[in-house]
Amino acid sequence: MSESDHNTRFSLTARCQSVRHALRGIKTLLREQHNARVHLVIALAVIAAGFVLQIDRGEWLIVVLLIGWVLSLEAFNSALEYLCDLVNRDEHPLIGKAKDVAAAAVLISALSAALIGVLIFLPRVWSLLIH
């Protein structure tokens, strides 16, 4: 952030422009990144399951947080990939490592979210099956 950014007065127009940029980023993410669409479909399925299985408020807080966490990491991963591709379109070992580690962050978050999802939803599903 530059020195002039610190001295700029609040502007509702600038804030609205920031939101427009962010919404354009979401549109780009969902249009261009297959994994982001997969995560979104899974998130929608989990939300539907939450309503059907009537998870409680605390569980909703966890589910919403995890959905936001996984989608945010997917967005950061995609941003890093775009930036790496801009810097060097050729294969470079360090760029490859950066992309792999960013992808690992998404995978770790998705796996931990899935495990927590099992812990939240499995007892309810089990209860329905045995009753």
C-alpha atoms as a PDB file:
ATOM      1  CA  MET A   1       0.000   0.000   0.000  1.00  0.00           C
ATOM      2  CA  SER A   2       1.450   3.348  -0.975  1.00  0.00           C
ATOM      3  CA  GLU A   3       1.684   6.380   1.294  1.00  0.00           C
ATOM      4  CA  SER A   4      -1.092   8.073  -0.691  1.00  0.00           C
ATOM      5  CA  ASP A   5      -3.410   5.109   0.009  1.00  0.00           C
ATOM      6  CA  HIS A   6      -3.061   5.734   3.743  1.00  0.00           C
ATOM      7  CA  ASN A   7      -4.040   9.375   3.344  1.00  0.00           C
ATOM      8  CA  THR A   8      -7.020   8.813   1.058  1.00  0.00           C
ATOM      9  CA  ARG A   9     -10.386   9.589   2.597  1.00  0.00           C
ATOM     10  CA  PHE A  10     -13.082   6.952   2.711  1.00  0.00           C
ATOM     11  CA  SER A  11     -14.989   6.790  -0.547  1.00  0.00           C
ATOM     12  CA  LEU A  12     -18.155   4.794  -0.993  1.00  0.00           C
ATOM     13  CA  THR A  13     -17.535   4.833  -4.743  1.00  0.00           C
ATOM     14  CA  ALA A  14     -14.072   3.302  -4.245  1.00  0.00           C
ATOM     15  CA  ARG A  15     -15.503   0.654  -1.910  1.00  0.00           C
ATOM     16  CA  CYS A  16     -18.181  -0.225  -4.481  1.00  0.00           C
ATOM     17  CA  GLN A  17     -15.463  -0.467  -7.124  1.00  0.00           C
ATOM     18  CA  SER A  18     -13.529  -2.861  -4.836  1.00  0.00           C
ATOM     19  CA  VAL A  19     -16.599  -5.047  -4.514  1.00  0.00           C
ATOM     20  CA  ARG A  20     -17.035  -5.024  -8.311  1.00  0.00           C
ATOM     21  CA  HIS A  21     -13.397  -6.168  -8.705  1.00  0.00           C
ATOM     22  CA  ALA A  22     -13.954  -8.954  -6.163  1.00  0.00           C
ATOM     23  CA  LEU A  23     -17.156 -10.092  -7.875  1.00  0.00           C
ATOM     24  CA  ARG A  24     -15.307 -10.126 -11.205  1.00  0.00           C
ATOM     25  CA  GLY A  25     -12.673 -12.306  -9.507  1.00  0.00           C
ATOM     26  CA  ILE A  26     -15.339 -14.749  -8.324  1.00  0.00           C
ATOM     27  CA  LYS A  27     -16.776 -14.847 -11.853  1.00  0.00           C
ATOM     28  CA  THR A  28     -13.310 -15.537 -13.290  1.00  0.00           C
ATOM     29  CA  LEU A  29     -12.627 -18.189 -10.670  1.00  0.00           C
ATOM     30  CA  LEU A  30     -15.858 -20.061 -11.384  1.00  0.00           C
ATOM     31  CA  ARG A  31     -15.654 -19.658 -15.151  1.00  0.00           C
ATOM     32  CA  GLU A  32     -12.004 -20.665 -15.559  1.00  0.00           C
ATOM     33  CA  GLN A  33     -11.171 -23.004 -12.682  1.00  0.00           C
ATOM     34  CA  HIS A  34     -12.712 -26.480 -12.813  1.00  0.00           C
ATOM     35  CA  ASN A  35     -11.752 -27.279  -9.205  1.00  0.00           C
ATOM     36  CA  ALA A  36     -13.499 -24.127  -7.965  1.00  0.00           C
ATOM     37  CA  ARG A  37     -16.703 -25.300  -9.636  1.00  0.00           C
ATOM     38  CA  VAL A  38     -16.288 -28.742  -8.053  1.00  0.00           C
ATOM     39  CA  HIS A  39     -15.816 -27.148  -4.619  1.00  0.00           C
ATOM     40  CA  LEU A  40     -18.894 -24.963  -5.181  1.00  0.00           C
ATOM     41  CA  VAL A  41     -21.081 -27.936  -6.150  1.00  0.00           C
ATOM     42  CA  ILE A  42     -19.883 -29.834  -3.066  1.00  0.00           C
ATOM     43  CA  ALA A  43     -20.556 -26.759  -0.914  1.00  0.00           C
ATOM     44  CA  LEU A  44     -24.113 -26.497  -2.246  1.00  0.00           C
ATOM     45  CA  ALA A  45     -24.663 -30.214  -1.577  1.00  0.00           C
ATOM     46  CA  VAL A  46     -23.360 -29.802   1.982  1.00  0.00           C
ATOM     47  CA  ILE A  47     -25.666 -26.820   2.538  1.00  0.00           C
ATOM     48  CA  ALA A  48     -28.635 -28.837   1.275  1.00  0.00           C
ATOM     49  CA  ALA A  49     -27.638 -31.739   3.542  1.00  0.00           C
ATOM     50  CA  GLY A  50     -27.394 -29.323   6.455  1.00  0.00           C
ATOM     51  CA  PHE A  51     -31.008 -28.259   5.931  1.00  0.00           C
ATOM     52  CA  VAL A  52     -32.265 -31.802   5.401  1.00  0.00           C
ATOM     53  CA  LEU A  53     -30.412 -33.182   8.424  1.00  0.00           C
ATOM     54  CA  GLN A  54     -31.161 -30.096  10.538  1.00  0.00           C
ATOM     55  CA  ILE A  55     -27.662 -29.419  11.805  1.00  0.00           C
ATOM     56  CA  ASP A  56     -27.521 -27.023  14.748  1.00  0.00           C
ATOM     57  CA  ARG A  57     -26.268 -23.429  14.831  1.00  0.00           C
ATOM     58  CA  GLY A  58     -22.754 -24.335  15.967  1.00  0.00           C
ATOM     59  CA  GLU A  59     -22.452 -26.908  13.208  1.00  0.00           C
ATOM     60  CA  TRP A  60     -23.674 -24.337  10.670  1.00  0.00           C
ATOM     61  CA  LEU A  61     -20.960 -21.960  11.844  1.00  0.00           C
ATOM     62  CA  ILE A  62     -18.340 -24.643  11.245  1.00  0.00           C
ATOM     63  CA  VAL A  63     -19.782 -25.634   7.856  1.00  0.00           C
ATOM     64  CA  VAL A  64     -19.949 -22.030   6.614  1.00  0.00           C
ATOM     65  CA  LEU A  65     -16.430 -21.305   7.878  1.00  0.00           C
ATOM     66  CA  LEU A  66     -15.021 -24.390   6.168  1.00  0.00           C
ATOM     67  CA  ILE A  67     -16.799 -23.666   2.877  1.00  0.00           C
ATOM     68  CA  GLY A  68     -15.369 -20.147   2.927  1.00  0.00           C
ATOM     69  CA  TRP A  69     -11.931 -21.484   3.868  1.00  0.00           C
ATOM     70  CA  VAL A  70     -11.765 -24.031   1.036  1.00  0.00           C
ATOM     71  CA  LEU A  71     -13.126 -21.632  -1.608  1.00  0.00           C
ATOM     72  CA  SER A  72     -10.770 -18.876  -0.434  1.00  0.00           C
ATOM     73  CA  LEU A  73      -7.762 -21.156  -0.663  1.00  0.00           C
ATOM     74  CA  GLU A  74      -8.879 -22.235  -4.119  1.00  0.00           C
ATOM     75  CA  ALA A  75      -9.030 -18.562  -5.111  1.00  0.00           C
ATOM     76  CA  PHE A  76      -5.534 -17.889  -3.705  1.00  0.00           C
ATOM     77  CA  ASN A  77      -4.199 -20.973  -5.449  1.00  0.00           C
ATOM     78  CA  SER A  78      -5.665 -19.789  -8.749  1.00  0.00           C
ATOM     79  CA  ALA A  79      -4.298 -16.273  -8.239  1.00  0.00           C
ATOM     80  CA  LEU A  80      -0.824 -17.703  -7.627  1.00  0.00           C
ATOM     81  CA  GLU A  81      -1.089 -19.843 -10.762  1.00  0.00           C
ATOM     82  CA  TYR A  82      -2.109 -16.820 -12.863  1.00  0.00           C
ATOM     83  CA  LEU A  83       0.773 -14.794 -11.449  1.00  0.00           C
ATOM     84  CA  CYS A  84       3.296 -17.597 -11.974  1.00  0.00           C
ATOM     85  CA  ASP A  85       2.139 -18.019 -15.563  1.00  0.00           C
ATOM     86  CA  LEU A  86       2.588 -14.292 -16.139  1.00  0.00           C
ATOM     87  CA  VAL A  87       6.102 -14.300 -14.701  1.00  0.00           C
ATOM     88  CA  ASN A  88       7.315 -17.377 -16.561  1.00  0.00           C
ATOM     89  CA  ARG A  89       5.324 -19.434 -19.051  1.00  0.00           C
ATOM     90  CA  ASP A  90       8.161 -21.966 -19.301  1.00  0.00           C
ATOM     91  CA  GLU A  91       8.680 -24.814 -16.845  1.00  0.00           C
ATOM     92  CA  HIS A  92      10.707 -23.628 -13.866  1.00  0.00           C
ATOM     93  CA  PRO A  93      11.368 -25.836 -10.834  1.00  0.00           C
ATOM     94  CA  LEU A  94      10.613 -23.104  -8.277  1.00  0.00           C
ATOM     95  CA  ILE A  95       7.405 -22.039  -9.985  1.00  0.00           C
ATOM     96  CA  GLY A  96       6.410 -25.701 -10.135  1.00  0.00           C
ATOM     97  CA  LYS A  97       7.078 -26.034  -6.415  1.00  0.00           C
ATOM     98  CA  ALA A  98       5.099 -22.878  -5.633  1.00  0.00           C
ATOM     99  CA  LYS A  99       2.122 -24.148  -7.623  1.00  0.00           C
ATOM    100  CA  ASP A 100       2.352 -27.609  -6.044  1.00  0.00           C
ATOM    101  CA  VAL A 101       2.491 -26.226  -2.505  1.00  0.00           C
ATOM    102  CA  ALA A 102      -0.440 -23.889  -3.163  1.00  0.00           C
ATOM    103  CA  ALA A 103      -2.420 -26.823  -4.554  1.00  0.00           C
ATOM    104  CA  ALA A 104      -1.443 -28.835  -1.464  1.00  0.00           C
ATOM    105  CA  ALA A 105      -2.947 -26.106   0.727  1.00  0.00           C
ATOM    106  CA  VAL A 106      -6.259 -26.473  -1.092  1.00  0.00           C
ATOM    107  CA  LEU A 107      -6.123 -30.259  -0.824  1.00  0.00           C
ATOM    108  CA  ILE A 108      -5.306 -30.158   2.907  1.00  0.00           C
ATOM    109  CA  SER A 109      -8.178 -27.738   3.544  1.00  0.00           C
ATOM    110  CA  ALA A 110     -10.615 -29.806   1.471  1.00  0.00           C
ATOM    111  CA  LEU A 111      -9.637 -33.058   3.195  1.00  0.00           C
ATOM    112  CA  SER A 112      -9.926 -31.521   6.655  1.00  0.00           C
ATOM    113  CA  ALA A 113     -13.305 -30.021   5.703  1.00  0.00           C
ATOM    114  CA  ALA A 114     -14.443 -33.424   4.446  1.00  0.00           C
ATOM    115  CA  LEU A 115     -13.357 -35.084   7.691  1.00  0.00           C
ATOM    116  CA  ILE A 116     -15.186 -32.483   9.768  1.00  0.00           C
ATOM    117  CA  GLY A 117     -18.198 -32.946   7.485  1.00  0.00           C
ATOM    118  CA  VAL A 118     -18.148 -36.667   8.218  1.00  0.00           C
ATOM    119  CA  LEU A 119     -18.001 -35.925  11.958  1.00  0.00           C
ATOM    120  CA  ILE A 120     -20.973 -33.560  11.700  1.00  0.00           C
ATOM    121  CA  PHE A 121     -23.164 -35.462   9.239  1.00  0.00           C
ATOM    122  CA  LEU A 122     -22.411 -39.159   9.776  1.00  0.00           C
ATOM    123  CA  PRO A 123     -24.094 -39.429  13.208  1.00  0.00           C
ATOM    124  CA  ARG A 124     -27.282 -37.897  11.767  1.00  0.00           C
ATOM    125  CA  VAL A 125     -27.226 -40.158   8.708  1.00  0.00           C
ATOM    126  CA  TRP A 126     -26.505 -43.174  10.912  1.00  0.00           C
ATOM    127  CA  SER A 127     -29.400 -42.232  13.175  1.00  0.00           C
ATOM    128  CA  LEU A 128     -31.756 -42.095  10.176  1.00  0.00           C
ATOM    129  CA  LEU A 129     -30.579 -45.471   8.926  1.00  0.00           C
ATOM    130  CA  ILE A 130     -31.085 -47.318  12.208  1.00  0.00           C
ATOM    131  CA  HIS A 131     -34.462 -45.769  13.044  1.00  0.00           C
END
